[in-house]
Amino acid sequence: MITPDLIERCGCNGSDVDHQHIMQMIEYAESAGLATYYHSADRPSMVFDAWERIYPKLMPMIQQLINAADDAYQAEGDADYLVIEKAEAIGAMHPLPEGFNYGVFFHSDVKQFRIEYGLPQGATLPRLDVAGFWDLIWRSEYFSRRSGPLSAGCFAYASIKNGDEITPLLDDAGNRLLVYRPEGWRHLYAHTPELA
């Protein structure tokens, strides 16, 4: 039933025409007062507010971080971007319950999980508590793109770029600084030498 023409038109990311149609539908829904959301939207959305009223224990979602960052960005007024530290980001999302091994969250990509910890193939995978989970999501470019802040284009790591060399900027605790702006970033590392 799926024709070769439809497969070619949609490709990996869909056609520009289909994307424009979706954006028009979103504008129409928002003009009618509805909250909208779509995967990788990279913009504020209140669509999960209803879920939170019904289901009080939700996993943390990057959408919560996007909403909090956008509120803070709008409150600042004329800033080019908002700087976010790890503790602020974690505080903007639902807390994870203690006592679980959050390492299993990354077992779907065992090879990369081992690489992150310098473990040989076949080695026992590390257990991760809540702090370990957020540490991996925050410091690993790979896992941050898959499940963390870098999965949204409105976030990037603050850095200094000197030719091909990129130096991430760190907070006082040694964690990478994140920067947010509504129009997004072109790359995973934003050149922000003024923060150094």
C-alpha atoms as a PDB file:
ATOM      1  CA  MET A   1       0.000   0.000   0.000  1.00  0.00           C
ATOM      2  CA  ILE A   2       2.992   2.314   0.510  1.00  0.00           C
ATOM      3  CA  THR A   3       4.055   3.220  -2.978  1.00  0.00           C
ATOM      4  CA  PRO A   4       7.612   3.902  -4.100  1.00  0.00           C
ATOM      5  CA  ASP A   5       6.486   7.480  -4.879  1.00  0.00           C
ATOM      6  CA  LEU A   6       5.372   8.024  -1.267  1.00  0.00           C
ATOM      7  CA  ILE A   7       8.580   6.492   0.101  1.00  0.00           C
ATOM      8  CA  GLU A   8      10.666   8.748  -2.144  1.00  0.00           C
ATOM      9  CA  ARG A   9       8.619  11.824  -1.231  1.00  0.00           C
ATOM     10  CA  CYS A  10       8.862  11.215   2.505  1.00  0.00           C
ATOM     11  CA  GLY A  11      12.492  10.117   2.639  1.00  0.00           C
ATOM     12  CA  CYS A  12      14.095  10.055   6.088  1.00  0.00           C
ATOM     13  CA  ASN A  13      12.708  13.353   7.310  1.00  0.00           C
ATOM     14  CA  GLY A  14       9.627  13.925   5.188  1.00  0.00           C
ATOM     15  CA  SER A  15       9.259  16.470   2.451  1.00  0.00           C
ATOM     16  CA  ASP A  16       9.420  20.239   2.923  1.00  0.00           C
ATOM     17  CA  VAL A  17       5.815  20.463   1.715  1.00  0.00           C
ATOM     18  CA  ASP A  18       4.653  18.004   4.391  1.00  0.00           C
ATOM     19  CA  HIS A  19       6.645  19.867   7.053  1.00  0.00           C
ATOM     20  CA  GLN A  20       5.083  23.192   6.018  1.00  0.00           C
ATOM     21  CA  HIS A  21       1.648  21.588   6.167  1.00  0.00           C
ATOM     22  CA  ILE A  22       2.346  20.396   9.736  1.00  0.00           C
ATOM     23  CA  MET A  23       3.549  23.880  10.728  1.00  0.00           C
ATOM     24  CA  GLN A  24       0.346  25.404   9.313  1.00  0.00           C
ATOM     25  CA  MET A  25      -1.747  22.921  11.281  1.00  0.00           C
ATOM     26  CA  ILE A  26       0.178  23.814  14.445  1.00  0.00           C
ATOM     27  CA  GLU A  27      -0.373  27.542  13.852  1.00  0.00           C
ATOM     28  CA  TYR A  28      -4.077  26.903  13.306  1.00  0.00           C
ATOM     29  CA  ALA A  29      -4.370  24.809  16.486  1.00  0.00           C
ATOM     30  CA  GLU A  30      -2.468  27.391  18.556  1.00  0.00           C
ATOM     31  CA  SER A  31      -4.614  30.237  17.205  1.00  0.00           C
ATOM     32  CA  ALA A  32      -7.613  28.250  18.505  1.00  0.00           C
ATOM     33  CA  GLY A  33      -5.981  28.158  21.958  1.00  0.00           C
ATOM     34  CA  LEU A  34      -4.716  24.575  21.876  1.00  0.00           C
ATOM     35  CA  ALA A  35      -1.313  23.482  23.177  1.00  0.00           C
ATOM     36  CA  THR A  36       0.742  21.696  20.527  1.00  0.00           C
ATOM     37  CA  TYR A  37       3.765  19.424  20.551  1.00  0.00           C
ATOM     38  CA  TYR A  38       5.701  17.367  18.074  1.00  0.00           C
ATOM     39  CA  HIS A  39       8.864  15.339  18.509  1.00  0.00           C
ATOM     40  CA  SER A  40      12.018  17.471  18.381  1.00  0.00           C
ATOM     41  CA  ALA A  41       9.946  20.637  18.320  1.00  0.00           C
ATOM     42  CA  ASP A  42      12.688  22.575  20.168  1.00  0.00           C
ATOM     43  CA  ARG A  43      10.173  25.091  21.460  1.00  0.00           C
ATOM     44  CA  PRO A  44       8.017  25.610  24.537  1.00  0.00           C
ATOM     45  CA  SER A  45       4.868  23.523  24.839  1.00  0.00           C
ATOM     46  CA  MET A  46       2.274  23.174  27.579  1.00  0.00           C
ATOM     47  CA  VAL A  47       0.828  19.961  26.139  1.00  0.00           C
ATOM     48  CA  PHE A  48       2.228  17.849  28.999  1.00  0.00           C
ATOM     49  CA  ASP A  49       0.655  20.016  31.715  1.00  0.00           C
ATOM     50  CA  ALA A  50      -2.531  17.934  31.515  1.00  0.00           C
ATOM     51  CA  TRP A  51      -0.499  14.743  31.923  1.00  0.00           C
ATOM     52  CA  GLU A  52       1.123  16.144  35.064  1.00  0.00           C
ATOM     53  CA  ARG A  53      -2.285  16.858  36.592  1.00  0.00           C
ATOM     54  CA  ILE A  54      -3.367  13.253  35.957  1.00  0.00           C
ATOM     55  CA  TYR A  55      -0.075  11.378  36.437  1.00  0.00           C
ATOM     56  CA  PRO A  56       1.957  13.016  39.205  1.00  0.00           C
ATOM     57  CA  LYS A  57       5.028  10.775  38.806  1.00  0.00           C
ATOM     58  CA  LEU A  58       6.472  11.323  35.356  1.00  0.00           C
ATOM     59  CA  MET A  59       9.971  10.766  34.042  1.00  0.00           C
ATOM     60  CA  PRO A  60      11.930  13.966  33.507  1.00  0.00           C
ATOM     61  CA  MET A  61      11.459  15.317  30.007  1.00  0.00           C
ATOM     62  CA  ILE A  62      13.633  17.670  28.003  1.00  0.00           C
ATOM     63  CA  GLN A  63      10.404  19.540  27.219  1.00  0.00           C
ATOM     64  CA  GLN A  64      10.365  20.682  30.859  1.00  0.00           C
ATOM     65  CA  LEU A  65      13.876  22.063  30.430  1.00  0.00           C
ATOM     66  CA  ILE A  66      12.894  23.813  27.193  1.00  0.00           C
ATOM     67  CA  ASN A  67       9.897  25.429  28.908  1.00  0.00           C
ATOM     68  CA  ALA A  68      11.941  26.575  31.930  1.00  0.00           C
ATOM     69  CA  ALA A  69      14.787  27.857  29.752  1.00  0.00           C
ATOM     70  CA  ASP A  70      12.415  29.780  27.498  1.00  0.00           C
ATOM     71  CA  ASP A  71      10.662  31.374  30.489  1.00  0.00           C
ATOM     72  CA  ALA A  72      14.025  32.506  31.906  1.00  0.00           C
ATOM     73  CA  TYR A  73      15.214  33.681  28.475  1.00  0.00           C
ATOM     74  CA  GLN A  74      12.054  35.757  27.918  1.00  0.00           C
ATOM     75  CA  ALA A  75      12.365  37.232  31.431  1.00  0.00           C
ATOM     76  CA  GLU A  76      15.902  38.431  30.668  1.00  0.00           C
ATOM     77  CA  GLY A  77      14.635  40.471  27.750  1.00  0.00           C
ATOM     78  CA  ASP A  78      17.476  41.350  25.406  1.00  0.00           C
ATOM     79  CA  ALA A  79      19.975  38.530  26.066  1.00  0.00           C
ATOM     80  CA  ASP A  80      21.487  36.763  23.049  1.00  0.00           C
ATOM     81  CA  TYR A  81      21.201  33.439  24.854  1.00  0.00           C
ATOM     82  CA  LEU A  82      20.676  31.932  28.290  1.00  0.00           C
ATOM     83  CA  VAL A  83      23.465  30.128  30.136  1.00  0.00           C
ATOM     84  CA  ILE A  84      22.347  27.009  32.006  1.00  0.00           C
ATOM     85  CA  GLU A  85      24.343  25.039  34.537  1.00  0.00           C
ATOM     86  CA  LYS A  86      23.791  21.325  35.110  1.00  0.00           C
ATOM     87  CA  ALA A  87      22.191  21.743  38.561  1.00  0.00           C
ATOM     88  CA  GLU A  88      19.727  24.328  37.193  1.00  0.00           C
ATOM     89  CA  ALA A  89      18.766  22.030  34.323  1.00  0.00           C
ATOM     90  CA  ILE A  90      18.200  19.026  36.570  1.00  0.00           C
ATOM     91  CA  GLY A  91      16.170  21.190  38.948  1.00  0.00           C
ATOM     92  CA  ALA A  92      13.865  22.257  36.101  1.00  0.00           C
ATOM     93  CA  MET A  93      12.784  18.659  35.429  1.00  0.00           C
ATOM     94  CA  HIS A  94      10.919  16.060  37.454  1.00  0.00           C
ATOM     95  CA  PRO A  95      13.293  14.351  39.910  1.00  0.00           C
ATOM     96  CA  LEU A  96      14.275  10.756  39.342  1.00  0.00           C
ATOM     97  CA  PRO A  97      13.520   8.389  42.225  1.00  0.00           C
ATOM     98  CA  GLU A  98      16.547   7.046  44.094  1.00  0.00           C
ATOM     99  CA  GLY A  99      17.448   3.380  44.431  1.00  0.00           C
ATOM    100  CA  PHE A 100      17.329   2.214  40.820  1.00  0.00           C
ATOM    101  CA  ASN A 101      20.116   1.228  38.439  1.00  0.00           C
ATOM    102  CA  TYR A 102      19.765   3.855  35.738  1.00  0.00           C
ATOM    103  CA  GLY A 103      22.542   2.221  33.747  1.00  0.00           C
ATOM    104  CA  VAL A 104      19.918  -0.064  32.181  1.00  0.00           C
ATOM    105  CA  PHE A 105      18.532   3.027  30.453  1.00  0.00           C
ATOM    106  CA  PHE A 106      21.655   2.980  28.245  1.00  0.00           C
ATOM    107  CA  HIS A 107      21.822  -0.777  27.620  1.00  0.00           C
ATOM    108  CA  SER A 108      20.137  -0.350  24.239  1.00  0.00           C
ATOM    109  CA  ASP A 109      23.479   1.072  23.110  1.00  0.00           C
ATOM    110  CA  VAL A 110      25.878  -1.174  25.027  1.00  0.00           C
ATOM    111  CA  LYS A 111      28.853  -0.509  22.754  1.00  0.00           C
ATOM    112  CA  GLN A 112      28.756   3.270  23.260  1.00  0.00           C
ATOM    113  CA  PHE A 113      27.988   2.828  26.967  1.00  0.00           C
ATOM    114  CA  ARG A 114      31.193   0.780  27.345  1.00  0.00           C
ATOM    115  CA  ILE A 115      33.170   3.326  25.312  1.00  0.00           C
ATOM    116  CA  GLU A 116      32.039   6.143  27.629  1.00  0.00           C
ATOM    117  CA  TYR A 117      33.495   4.265  30.605  1.00  0.00           C
ATOM    118  CA  GLY A 118      36.535   2.803  28.836  1.00  0.00           C
ATOM    119  CA  LEU A 119      35.365  -0.785  29.340  1.00  0.00           C
ATOM    120  CA  PRO A 120      36.343  -3.683  27.074  1.00  0.00           C
ATOM    121  CA  GLN A 121      33.700  -5.732  25.307  1.00  0.00           C
ATOM    122  CA  GLY A 122      32.153  -8.257  27.676  1.00  0.00           C
ATOM    123  CA  ALA A 123      32.998  -6.248  30.793  1.00  0.00           C
ATOM    124  CA  THR A 124      30.297  -5.817  33.399  1.00  0.00           C
ATOM    125  CA  LEU A 125      28.331  -2.669  32.735  1.00  0.00           C
ATOM    126  CA  PRO A 126      28.419  -0.030  35.463  1.00  0.00           C
ATOM    127  CA  ARG A 127      25.466   0.658  37.720  1.00  0.00           C
ATOM    128  CA  LEU A 128      24.336   4.265  37.675  1.00  0.00           C
ATOM    129  CA  ASP A 129      22.529   6.055  40.466  1.00  0.00           C
ATOM    130  CA  VAL A 130      20.629   9.297  39.809  1.00  0.00           C
ATOM    131  CA  ALA A 131      23.830  11.391  39.882  1.00  0.00           C
ATOM    132  CA  GLY A 132      25.560   8.952  37.522  1.00  0.00           C
ATOM    133  CA  PHE A 133      22.635   9.068  35.107  1.00  0.00           C
ATOM    134  CA  TRP A 134      22.689  12.867  34.905  1.00  0.00           C
ATOM    135  CA  ASP A 135      26.492  12.907  34.707  1.00  0.00           C
ATOM    136  CA  LEU A 136      26.464  10.682  31.636  1.00  0.00           C
ATOM    137  CA  ILE A 137      23.611  12.585  29.976  1.00  0.00           C
ATOM    138  CA  TRP A 138      25.365  15.897  30.653  1.00  0.00           C
ATOM    139  CA  ARG A 139      28.975  15.112  29.731  1.00  0.00           C
ATOM    140  CA  SER A 140      28.498  12.642  26.882  1.00  0.00           C
ATOM    141  CA  GLU A 141      27.898  14.351  23.576  1.00  0.00           C
ATOM    142  CA  TYR A 142      26.553  11.056  22.223  1.00  0.00           C
ATOM    143  CA  PHE A 143      24.017  10.356  24.975  1.00  0.00           C
ATOM    144  CA  SER A 144      23.080  14.019  25.325  1.00  0.00           C
ATOM    145  CA  ARG A 145      22.105  14.037  21.644  1.00  0.00           C
ATOM    146  CA  ARG A 146      20.079  10.837  22.072  1.00  0.00           C
ATOM    147  CA  SER A 147      18.360  11.481  25.405  1.00  0.00           C
ATOM    148  CA  GLY A 148      19.554  14.762  26.875  1.00  0.00           C
ATOM    149  CA  PRO A 149      19.574  18.488  26.211  1.00  0.00           C
ATOM    150  CA  LEU A 150      21.430  18.261  22.908  1.00  0.00           C
ATOM    151  CA  SER A 151      18.499  16.288  21.478  1.00  0.00           C
ATOM    152  CA  ALA A 152      16.823  19.699  21.182  1.00  0.00           C
ATOM    153  CA  GLY A 153      18.400  22.118  18.710  1.00  0.00           C
ATOM    154  CA  CYS A 154      17.710  25.076  20.995  1.00  0.00           C
ATOM    155  CA  PHE A 155      20.543  23.893  23.285  1.00  0.00           C
ATOM    156  CA  ALA A 156      24.281  23.723  22.644  1.00  0.00           C
ATOM    157  CA  TYR A 157      27.415  23.402  24.718  1.00  0.00           C
ATOM    158  CA  ALA A 158      29.091  26.747  25.416  1.00  0.00           C
ATOM    159  CA  SER A 159      32.604  26.685  23.984  1.00  0.00           C
ATOM    160  CA  ILE A 160      35.532  28.510  22.515  1.00  0.00           C
ATOM    161  CA  LYS A 161      36.323  27.591  18.932  1.00  0.00           C
ATOM    162  CA  ASN A 162      39.816  28.208  17.647  1.00  0.00           C
ATOM    163  CA  GLY A 163      40.069  26.844  14.116  1.00  0.00           C
ATOM    164  CA  ASP A 164      39.291  23.117  14.354  1.00  0.00           C
ATOM    165  CA  GLU A 165      39.881  23.068  18.120  1.00  0.00           C
ATOM    166  CA  ILE A 166      36.814  23.273  20.369  1.00  0.00           C
ATOM    167  CA  THR A 167      37.165  23.840  24.101  1.00  0.00           C
ATOM    168  CA  PRO A 168      33.961  23.328  26.089  1.00  0.00           C
ATOM    169  CA  LEU A 169      33.368  25.907  28.817  1.00  0.00           C
ATOM    170  CA  LEU A 170      32.785  24.567  32.328  1.00  0.00           C
ATOM    171  CA  ASP A 171      31.031  25.811  35.435  1.00  0.00           C
ATOM    172  CA  ASP A 172      32.705  25.975  38.854  1.00  0.00           C
ATOM    173  CA  ALA A 173      31.869  22.289  39.475  1.00  0.00           C
ATOM    174  CA  GLY A 174      33.614  21.213  36.252  1.00  0.00           C
ATOM    175  CA  ASN A 175      30.415  20.506  34.320  1.00  0.00           C
ATOM    176  CA  ARG A 176      29.838  21.735  30.783  1.00  0.00           C
ATOM    177  CA  LEU A 177      27.807  24.906  30.399  1.00  0.00           C
ATOM    178  CA  LEU A 178      24.725  24.739  28.224  1.00  0.00           C
ATOM    179  CA  VAL A 179      23.362  27.679  26.252  1.00  0.00           C
ATOM    180  CA  TYR A 180      19.783  28.139  25.083  1.00  0.00           C
ATOM    181  CA  ARG A 181      18.168  30.378  22.494  1.00  0.00           C
ATOM    182  CA  PRO A 182      14.760  29.959  20.864  1.00  0.00           C
ATOM    183  CA  GLU A 183      16.024  30.101  17.282  1.00  0.00           C
ATOM    184  CA  GLY A 184      18.406  27.230  18.017  1.00  0.00           C
ATOM    185  CA  TRP A 185      22.030  26.576  17.227  1.00  0.00           C
ATOM    186  CA  ARG A 186      23.631  25.347  14.072  1.00  0.00           C
ATOM    187  CA  HIS A 187      26.116  23.094  15.845  1.00  0.00           C
ATOM    188  CA  LEU A 188      26.386  21.177  19.113  1.00  0.00           C
ATOM    189  CA  TYR A 189      29.027  23.628  20.334  1.00  0.00           C
ATOM    190  CA  ALA A 190      28.204  27.340  20.376  1.00  0.00           C
ATOM    191  CA  HIS A 191      31.112  29.779  20.126  1.00  0.00           C
ATOM    192  CA  THR A 192      30.673  31.856  23.290  1.00  0.00           C
ATOM    193  CA  PRO A 193      34.118  33.305  24.138  1.00  0.00           C
ATOM    194  CA  GLU A 194      32.519  36.073  26.195  1.00  0.00           C
ATOM    195  CA  LEU A 195      31.726  33.458  28.872  1.00  0.00           C
ATOM    196  CA  ALA A 196      35.386  32.467  29.341  1.00  0.00           C
END
